[in-house]
Protein backbone atom coordinates (compact mmCIF):
# COMPACT_ATOMS: atom_id res chain seq x y z
CA MET A 1 3.12 5.73 -20.42
CA ASP A 2 3.59 8.94 -17.83
CA THR A 3 0.58 7.50 -15.75
CA PHE A 4 2.45 3.96 -15.88
CA ILE A 5 6.05 5.56 -15.12
CA SER A 6 4.00 8.17 -12.16
CA LEU A 7 2.37 5.26 -10.90
CA LEU A 8 5.79 3.05 -10.42
CA LEU A 9 7.50 6.09 -9.19
CA GLY A 10 4.61 6.30 -6.26
CA VAL A 11 4.59 2.95 -5.61
CA SER A 12 8.40 2.77 -5.05
CA LEU A 13 8.21 5.86 -2.83
CA SER A 14 5.51 4.43 -0.88
CA ALA A 15 7.41 1.32 -0.38
CA ALA A 16 10.53 3.48 0.68
CA CYS A 17 7.87 5.14 3.17
CA GLY A 18 7.65 1.83 4.77
CA PHE A 19 11.16 1.97 5.98
CA ARG A 20 11.30 5.97 6.71
CA VAL A 21 8.14 7.42 7.03
CA PHE A 22 9.03 10.76 6.67
CA VAL A 23 12.20 10.28 4.30
CA PRO A 24 10.51 9.64 1.32
CA LEU A 25 8.53 12.71 1.71
CA LEU A 26 11.65 14.65 2.69
CA LEU A 27 13.30 13.75 -0.45
CA VAL A 28 10.25 14.57 -2.90
CA SER A 29 9.61 17.77 -1.13
CA ALA A 30 13.55 18.45 -2.05
CA ALA A 31 13.00 17.28 -5.47
CA ALA A 32 10.14 19.62 -6.24
CA ILE A 33 11.37 22.87 -4.68
CA VAL A 34 14.76 21.77 -7.23
CA GLY A 35 12.48 21.67 -9.98
CA HIS A 36 13.23 18.06 -10.58
CA LEU A 37 9.60 16.60 -9.55
CA ASP A 38 6.39 18.37 -10.97
CA LEU A 39 3.54 18.19 -8.20
CA PRO A 40 0.02 18.19 -8.63
CA THR A 41 -1.88 21.71 -8.16
CA ASN A 42 -3.69 20.07 -5.07
CA VAL A 43 -0.22 18.54 -3.32
CA ALA A 44 1.68 21.30 -4.00
CA TRP A 45 2.61 22.29 -0.51
CA VAL A 46 4.80 19.15 -0.70
CA GLY A 47 7.27 21.39 -2.73
CA THR A 48 7.15 24.17 0.16
CA ASP A 49 10.10 25.48 2.03
CA HIS A 50 7.99 24.87 5.14
CA ALA A 51 7.00 21.35 4.32
CA LEU A 52 11.13 20.59 3.56
CA ILE A 53 11.82 21.88 7.22
CA ALA A 54 8.87 19.88 8.77
CA PHE A 55 10.10 16.65 6.95
CA ALA A 56 13.73 17.28 8.01
CA VAL A 57 12.49 17.51 11.52
CA ALA A 58 10.30 14.78 11.35
CA SER A 59 12.60 12.24 9.58
CA SER A 60 15.61 13.70 12.15
CA LEU A 61 13.30 12.72 14.92
CA GLU A 62 12.07 9.27 13.45
CA ILE A 63 15.76 8.50 12.74
CA ALA A 64 16.44 8.92 16.13
CA GLY A 65 14.45 7.23 17.83
CA TYR A 66 15.16 4.06 16.02
CA TYR A 67 18.37 4.15 18.08
CA ILE A 68 16.53 3.99 21.67
CA PRO A 69 15.88 0.68 22.80
CA TRP A 70 12.68 -0.12 23.26
CA PHE A 71 11.01 3.10 22.26
CA ASP A 72 11.43 1.29 18.51
CA HIS A 73 8.78 -1.01 19.01
CA LEU A 74 6.87 1.83 20.21
CA LEU A 75 7.75 3.86 17.16
CA ASP A 76 6.82 1.03 14.86
CA THR A 77 3.24 1.11 16.31
CA VAL A 78 2.73 4.40 15.29
CA ALA A 79 4.64 4.68 12.19
CA THR A 80 2.64 1.51 10.58
CA PRO A 81 -0.35 3.77 9.91
CA LEU A 82 1.58 6.85 9.42
CA ALA A 83 3.52 5.01 6.49
CA ILE A 84 0.02 3.91 4.86
CA VAL A 85 -1.09 7.96 5.07
CA ALA A 86 2.98 8.80 3.72
CA GLY A 87 2.51 6.57 1.37
CA THR A 88 -0.72 7.40 -0.01
CA VAL A 89 0.38 11.44 -0.05
CA VAL A 90 3.14 10.59 -1.90
CA THR A 91 2.15 8.59 -4.67
CA ALA A 92 -1.12 11.33 -5.08
CA ALA A 93 1.96 13.86 -5.19
CA THR A 94 3.58 11.78 -7.96
CA ALA A 95 0.60 11.30 -9.89
CA PRO A 96 0.26 13.00 -12.78
CA ASP A 97 -3.19 15.43 -13.61
CA MET A 98 -6.20 13.40 -13.15
CA SER A 99 -9.38 13.96 -11.23
CA PRO A 100 -9.09 14.19 -7.20
CA LEU A 101 -10.98 10.80 -6.83
CA ALA A 102 -9.20 9.04 -9.52
CA GLN A 103 -5.77 10.47 -7.93
CA TRP A 104 -6.76 9.88 -4.37
CA THR A 105 -8.21 6.31 -4.93
CA LEU A 106 -5.26 4.90 -6.65
CA ALA A 107 -2.83 6.67 -3.97
CA ALA A 108 -4.54 4.90 -1.33
CA ILE A 109 -4.38 1.38 -2.79
CA ALA A 110 -1.31 1.60 -4.78
CA GLY A 111 0.73 3.71 -2.26
CA GLY A 112 -1.22 2.87 0.98
CA GLY A 113 -0.57 -0.59 0.05
CA ALA A 114 2.58 -0.75 -0.59
CA ALA A 115 4.00 1.52 2.27
CA GLY A 116 1.80 -0.95 4.59
CA LEU A 117 2.64 -4.13 3.32
CA THR A 118 6.37 -2.97 3.82
CA LYS A 119 5.70 -1.64 6.83
CA GLY A 120 4.45 -5.15 8.16
CA LEU A 121 7.02 -7.22 6.51
CA LEU A 122 9.49 -5.16 8.66
CA ASN A 123 7.58 -5.17 11.81
CA VAL A 124 7.56 -9.27 11.87
CA LEU A 125 11.71 -8.93 10.97
CA ARG A 126 12.02 -6.46 13.94
CA ILE A 127 9.77 -8.87 16.20
CA GLY A 128 12.13 -11.66 15.33
CA SER A 129 15.46 -9.77 15.40
CA THR A 130 14.12 -8.90 18.83
CA ALA A 131 13.14 -12.33 20.09
CA THR A 132 16.54 -13.65 19.12
CA SER A 133 18.59 -11.21 20.28
CA GLY A 134 17.03 -9.57 22.84
CA GLY A 135 17.02 -5.98 20.36
CA LEU A 136 20.67 -6.02 20.28
CA THR A 137 20.62 -6.31 16.42
CA ASN A 138 17.94 -3.59 16.26
CA PRO A 139 20.20 -0.52 16.11
CA ILE A 140 21.82 -2.30 12.63
CA LEU A 141 18.11 -3.51 11.06
CA SER A 142 17.47 0.14 12.00
CA THR A 143 20.28 1.40 9.72
CA ILE A 144 19.49 -0.89 7.25
CA GLU A 145 15.96 0.36 7.15
CA LEU A 146 17.45 4.03 6.67
CA VAL A 147 19.81 2.95 3.92
CA ALA A 148 17.04 1.29 2.09
CA SER A 149 14.38 4.07 2.62
CA VAL A 150 17.41 7.18 1.34
CA GLY A 151 18.41 4.62 -1.62
CA LEU A 152 15.11 3.41 -2.84
CA SER A 153 14.10 7.01 -2.79
CA VAL A 154 16.99 8.22 -4.79
CA LEU A 155 16.63 5.51 -7.42
CA ALA A 156 13.12 5.71 -7.50
CA LEU A 157 13.43 9.80 -8.17
CA THR A 158 16.30 9.08 -11.09
CA LEU A 159 14.93 5.61 -12.59
CA PRO A 160 11.46 5.58 -12.11
CA ALA A 161 10.19 2.61 -14.34
CA LEU A 162 13.12 0.22 -13.53
CA THR A 163 12.66 0.68 -9.55
CA GLY A 164 8.87 0.41 -9.81
CA ILE A 165 9.38 -2.63 -11.85
CA VAL A 166 11.68 -3.89 -9.00
CA VAL A 167 9.62 -3.12 -6.03
CA VAL A 168 6.43 -4.66 -7.52
CA VAL A 169 7.80 -7.49 -8.35
CA VAL A 170 9.58 -7.87 -4.62
CA LEU A 171 6.48 -6.69 -3.18
CA LEU A 172 4.03 -9.39 -4.89
CA PHE A 173 6.97 -11.93 -3.99
CA ALA A 174 6.84 -11.12 -0.32
CA ALA A 175 3.16 -11.40 -0.49
CA TYR A 176 2.81 -14.46 -1.85
CA LYS A 177 5.21 -15.92 0.82
CA LEU A 178 3.42 -14.24 3.91
CA TRP A 179 0.47 -15.62 2.35
CA ARG A 180 2.22 -18.98 2.04
CA PHE A 181 3.34 -18.86 5.45
CA PHE A 182 -0.02 -18.09 7.34
CA PHE A 183 -2.24 -20.67 4.98
CA LYS A 184 0.29 -23.32 4.34
CA GLY A 185 -0.27 -26.35 6.56
CA GLN A 186 -3.80 -25.28 7.20
CA PRO A 187 -6.20 -28.13 6.66
CA GLN A 188 -9.10 -28.23 3.96
CA THR A 189 -12.16 -28.75 4.90
CA GLY A 190 -12.75 -31.87 3.17
CA ALA A 191 -9.80 -33.26 4.92
CA ILE A 192 -11.22 -32.39 8.26
CA ASP A 193 -14.94 -33.90 7.29
CA GLU A 194 -12.97 -36.88 6.32
CA ALA A 195 -11.32 -37.25 9.68
CA THR A 196 -14.26 -36.54 11.54
CA GLN A 197 -15.80 -39.61 10.10
């Protein structure tokens, strides 16, 4: 059961990395320093004072960057692969003791996947926001993303099982909706063959 809860915690924090890359890492680092979270030995560096300072600076720069018009889109380009890496690291950091191969494989699939999916959905939303408002609503969207990242991270650290289940259900629903959006209305090969005869 501990492994399952750790996985749910990792997925939740990874999804939060999709909103803001460094905020979940900052909160995991702080939680480890105060003793709320035990980190595996190979990622114990996340719970050091130096890492906390680095994540705090990175979080501040990232948050500020999303309030600069048009720079937010450039930041999204860089943040998308970074979110996948951060999601992988944060899931590895919350994994129970297991072999490094299993730990990092699980982290890459579950954590990187959750962060990438969340970030991808947000990128689509931001493109739509820019197209409809000329970028005027992007600061509001940035604030919502920041609140979601902090809130989801705090909930994950305090109620990992419940938060994880909700996040998994929401991500699966979002993936299904995206799949329907991109493949709905695509003609089947049989229908194409009949139309050409």
